[in-house]
């Protein structure tokens, strides 16, 4: 047997309107997902952080939502000699001053061996605490931290790159 309960208003004993948590319902759910295509890369030899690549933007649909940013853009350093690049994912809310996530990419040759430490992009959770309707842009910043060769993001050696950035807005 199926029962149906229909009500016009739910109210707590003290007269207040119940929240999702009061009703045992999780307030977390996906509000929107945006996908951005990354079709070009960038390089720098700068020893201080510089904006290298805009990976995507999103306009929030709810105040104080959280944003999950995932990008597949590869981060690279030259294999010619010692090299280290520091890459960070930053946002426009505070004029790109804050690093959401930071990666070191390193090449250290040692005779006939040595090692390379690379990265597979960024996966960061951002809680910007902004009003609904705020557009937030995300960029990868980079700086050469060791060596004399440049560092690269989304370099494709003349091929047609197709990297992605997905931004998910989450309520709750």
Protein backbone atom coordinates (compact mmCIF):
# COMPACT_ATOMS: atom_id res chain seq x y z
CA UNK A 1 0.00 0.00 0.00
CA UNK A 2 1.27 3.49 -0.85
CA UNK A 3 0.58 6.54 1.28
CA UNK A 4 0.84 10.16 0.28
CA UNK A 5 1.23 13.04 2.71
CA UNK A 6 0.54 16.51 1.38
CA UNK A 7 1.31 19.65 3.38
CA UNK A 8 1.52 23.33 2.54
CA UNK A 9 4.04 24.31 5.23
CA UNK A 10 6.49 22.53 7.50
CA UNK A 11 7.21 24.22 10.79
CA UNK A 12 9.40 23.41 13.79
CA UNK A 13 7.84 23.33 17.28
CA UNK A 14 9.26 26.82 17.97
CA UNK A 15 7.61 28.21 14.81
CA UNK A 16 10.81 28.39 12.76
CA UNK A 17 11.13 27.01 9.26
CA UNK A 18 13.11 23.76 9.28
CA UNK A 19 16.41 23.49 7.42
CA UNK A 20 17.42 20.54 5.25
CA UNK A 21 19.56 19.32 8.16
CA UNK A 22 16.53 19.50 10.51
CA UNK A 23 14.70 17.18 8.13
CA UNK A 24 17.62 14.78 7.81
CA UNK A 25 18.27 15.77 4.20
CA UNK A 26 21.81 16.47 3.07
CA UNK A 27 22.15 20.02 1.78
CA UNK A 28 25.04 19.05 -0.50
CA UNK A 29 24.33 18.59 -4.18
CA UNK A 30 25.75 19.61 -7.52
CA UNK A 31 24.40 22.92 -8.79
CA UNK A 32 26.26 23.11 -12.11
CA UNK A 33 29.22 21.73 -14.01
CA UNK A 34 31.22 23.72 -16.56
CA UNK A 35 33.76 22.26 -18.98
CA UNK A 36 36.47 24.30 -20.62
CA UNK A 37 38.72 23.28 -23.47
CA UNK A 38 42.42 24.16 -23.21
CA UNK A 39 43.87 24.33 -26.69
CA UNK A 40 47.08 26.29 -26.20
CA UNK A 41 49.94 26.31 -23.73
CA UNK A 42 52.47 28.74 -22.34
CA UNK A 43 56.06 28.92 -21.15
CA UNK A 44 58.09 31.23 -18.94
CA UNK A 45 61.62 31.68 -17.68
CA UNK A 46 60.54 34.04 -14.90
CA UNK A 47 61.94 33.51 -11.42
CA UNK A 48 58.81 35.03 -9.86
CA UNK A 49 55.25 33.71 -10.24
CA UNK A 50 53.49 34.82 -13.45
CA UNK A 51 50.09 33.97 -14.91
CA UNK A 52 50.66 31.34 -17.58
CA UNK A 53 47.26 29.96 -18.53
CA UNK A 54 43.58 30.72 -17.88
CA UNK A 55 41.95 27.32 -17.40
CA UNK A 56 38.31 28.32 -16.86
CA UNK A 57 35.64 30.48 -15.26
CA UNK A 58 32.34 29.90 -13.51
CA UNK A 59 29.52 32.19 -12.36
CA UNK A 60 28.13 31.00 -9.04
CA UNK A 61 24.42 30.25 -8.78
CA UNK A 62 24.26 30.18 -4.98
CA UNK A 63 25.97 32.21 -2.26
CA UNK A 64 28.75 30.45 -0.36
CA UNK A 65 28.81 27.39 -2.61
CA UNK A 66 31.96 25.32 -2.97
CA UNK A 67 33.81 24.79 -6.25
CA UNK A 68 35.75 21.72 -7.30
CA UNK A 69 38.31 22.50 -10.01
CA UNK A 70 40.02 19.74 -11.99
CA UNK A 71 42.39 20.33 -14.89
CA UNK A 72 44.38 17.90 -17.01
CA UNK A 73 46.85 20.50 -18.35
CA UNK A 74 50.34 19.01 -17.97
CA UNK A 75 53.08 20.86 -16.11
CA UNK A 76 56.61 20.54 -17.51
CA UNK A 77 60.26 21.51 -17.08
CA UNK A 78 63.14 21.07 -19.52
CA UNK A 79 65.18 17.87 -19.28
CA UNK A 80 68.33 19.78 -20.25
CA UNK A 81 70.19 20.15 -16.96
CA UNK A 82 68.77 20.65 -13.50
CA UNK A 83 65.42 22.35 -13.49
CA UNK A 84 62.55 22.99 -11.13
CA UNK A 85 59.27 24.74 -11.76
CA UNK A 86 56.69 25.74 -9.18
CA UNK A 87 53.11 25.82 -10.48
CA UNK A 88 50.01 26.97 -8.64
CA UNK A 89 46.27 27.16 -9.28
CA UNK A 90 44.92 30.60 -8.32
CA UNK A 91 41.57 32.41 -8.46
CA UNK A 92 40.28 35.89 -9.25
CA UNK A 93 38.36 36.42 -5.98
CA UNK A 94 41.40 38.08 -4.40
CA UNK A 95 43.21 39.07 -7.61
CA UNK A 96 45.08 35.74 -7.86
CA UNK A 97 46.95 36.23 -4.56
CA UNK A 98 45.98 32.86 -3.04
CA UNK A 99 47.28 29.47 -4.17
CA UNK A 100 44.54 26.81 -4.05
CA UNK A 101 47.07 24.11 -4.85
CA UNK A 102 50.80 24.06 -5.58
CA UNK A 103 53.01 21.58 -7.47
CA UNK A 104 56.76 21.28 -7.94
CA UNK A 105 57.97 19.76 -11.21
CA UNK A 106 61.63 18.76 -11.16
CA UNK A 107 64.32 17.40 -13.48
CA UNK A 108 67.58 16.31 -11.85
CA UNK A 109 70.00 14.45 -14.14
CA UNK A 110 72.72 12.52 -12.38
CA UNK A 111 75.28 11.00 -14.76
CA UNK A 112 73.46 8.37 -16.79
CA UNK A 113 70.51 8.30 -14.43
CA UNK A 114 68.74 10.99 -12.41
CA UNK A 115 65.05 11.55 -11.90
CA UNK A 116 62.03 13.52 -13.06
CA UNK A 117 59.15 14.52 -10.83
CA UNK A 118 56.12 15.64 -12.79
CA UNK A 119 52.52 16.49 -12.08
CA UNK A 120 49.18 15.54 -13.59
CA UNK A 121 47.36 18.83 -13.23
CA UNK A 122 45.26 20.24 -10.43
CA UNK A 123 42.32 19.00 -8.37
CA UNK A 124 41.32 21.61 -5.79
CA UNK A 125 38.29 22.38 -3.63
CA UNK A 126 37.63 26.13 -3.36
CA UNK A 127 35.29 27.69 -0.79
CA UNK A 128 35.26 31.33 -1.93
CA UNK A 129 32.40 32.65 0.27
CA UNK A 130 31.01 34.95 -2.43
CA UNK A 131 27.53 36.09 -3.44
CA UNK A 132 25.45 34.32 -6.04
CA UNK A 133 26.22 35.64 -9.51
CA UNK A 134 29.96 36.11 -8.87
CA UNK A 135 32.19 35.11 -11.78
CA UNK A 136 35.43 33.43 -10.70
CA UNK A 137 38.30 32.80 -13.10
CA UNK A 138 41.05 30.25 -12.46
CA UNK A 139 44.62 30.52 -13.77
CA UNK A 140 47.77 28.46 -13.55
CA UNK A 141 50.75 30.49 -12.37
CA UNK A 142 54.32 29.31 -12.75
CA UNK A 143 57.87 30.25 -11.92
CA UNK A 144 61.28 28.77 -12.71
CA UNK A 145 62.71 27.89 -9.32
CA UNK A 146 65.98 26.20 -10.33
CA UNK A 147 68.04 26.04 -13.51
CA UNK A 148 68.20 28.28 -16.55
CA UNK A 149 65.66 26.63 -18.85
CA UNK A 150 62.01 27.54 -19.18
CA UNK A 151 58.99 25.84 -17.65
CA UNK A 152 55.86 24.90 -19.57
CA UNK A 153 52.16 24.30 -19.06
CA UNK A 154 50.08 22.43 -21.66
CA UNK A 155 52.93 22.31 -24.18
CA UNK A 156 52.03 20.01 -27.06
CA UNK A 157 55.08 20.30 -29.34
CA UNK A 158 53.11 21.59 -32.31
CA UNK A 159 50.38 18.98 -32.06
CA UNK A 160 46.74 19.87 -31.44
CA UNK A 161 46.34 19.79 -27.66
CA UNK A 162 43.00 19.09 -26.09
CA UNK A 163 43.20 19.35 -22.34
CA UNK A 164 40.21 19.99 -20.08
CA UNK A 165 39.22 21.99 -17.05
CA UNK A 166 36.03 20.98 -15.26
CA UNK A 167 34.56 23.20 -12.55
CA UNK A 168 31.75 21.85 -10.39
CA UNK A 169 29.63 24.09 -8.15
CA UNK A 170 28.43 22.30 -5.02
CA UNK A 171 25.75 23.52 -2.60
CA UNK A 172 26.12 23.02 1.12
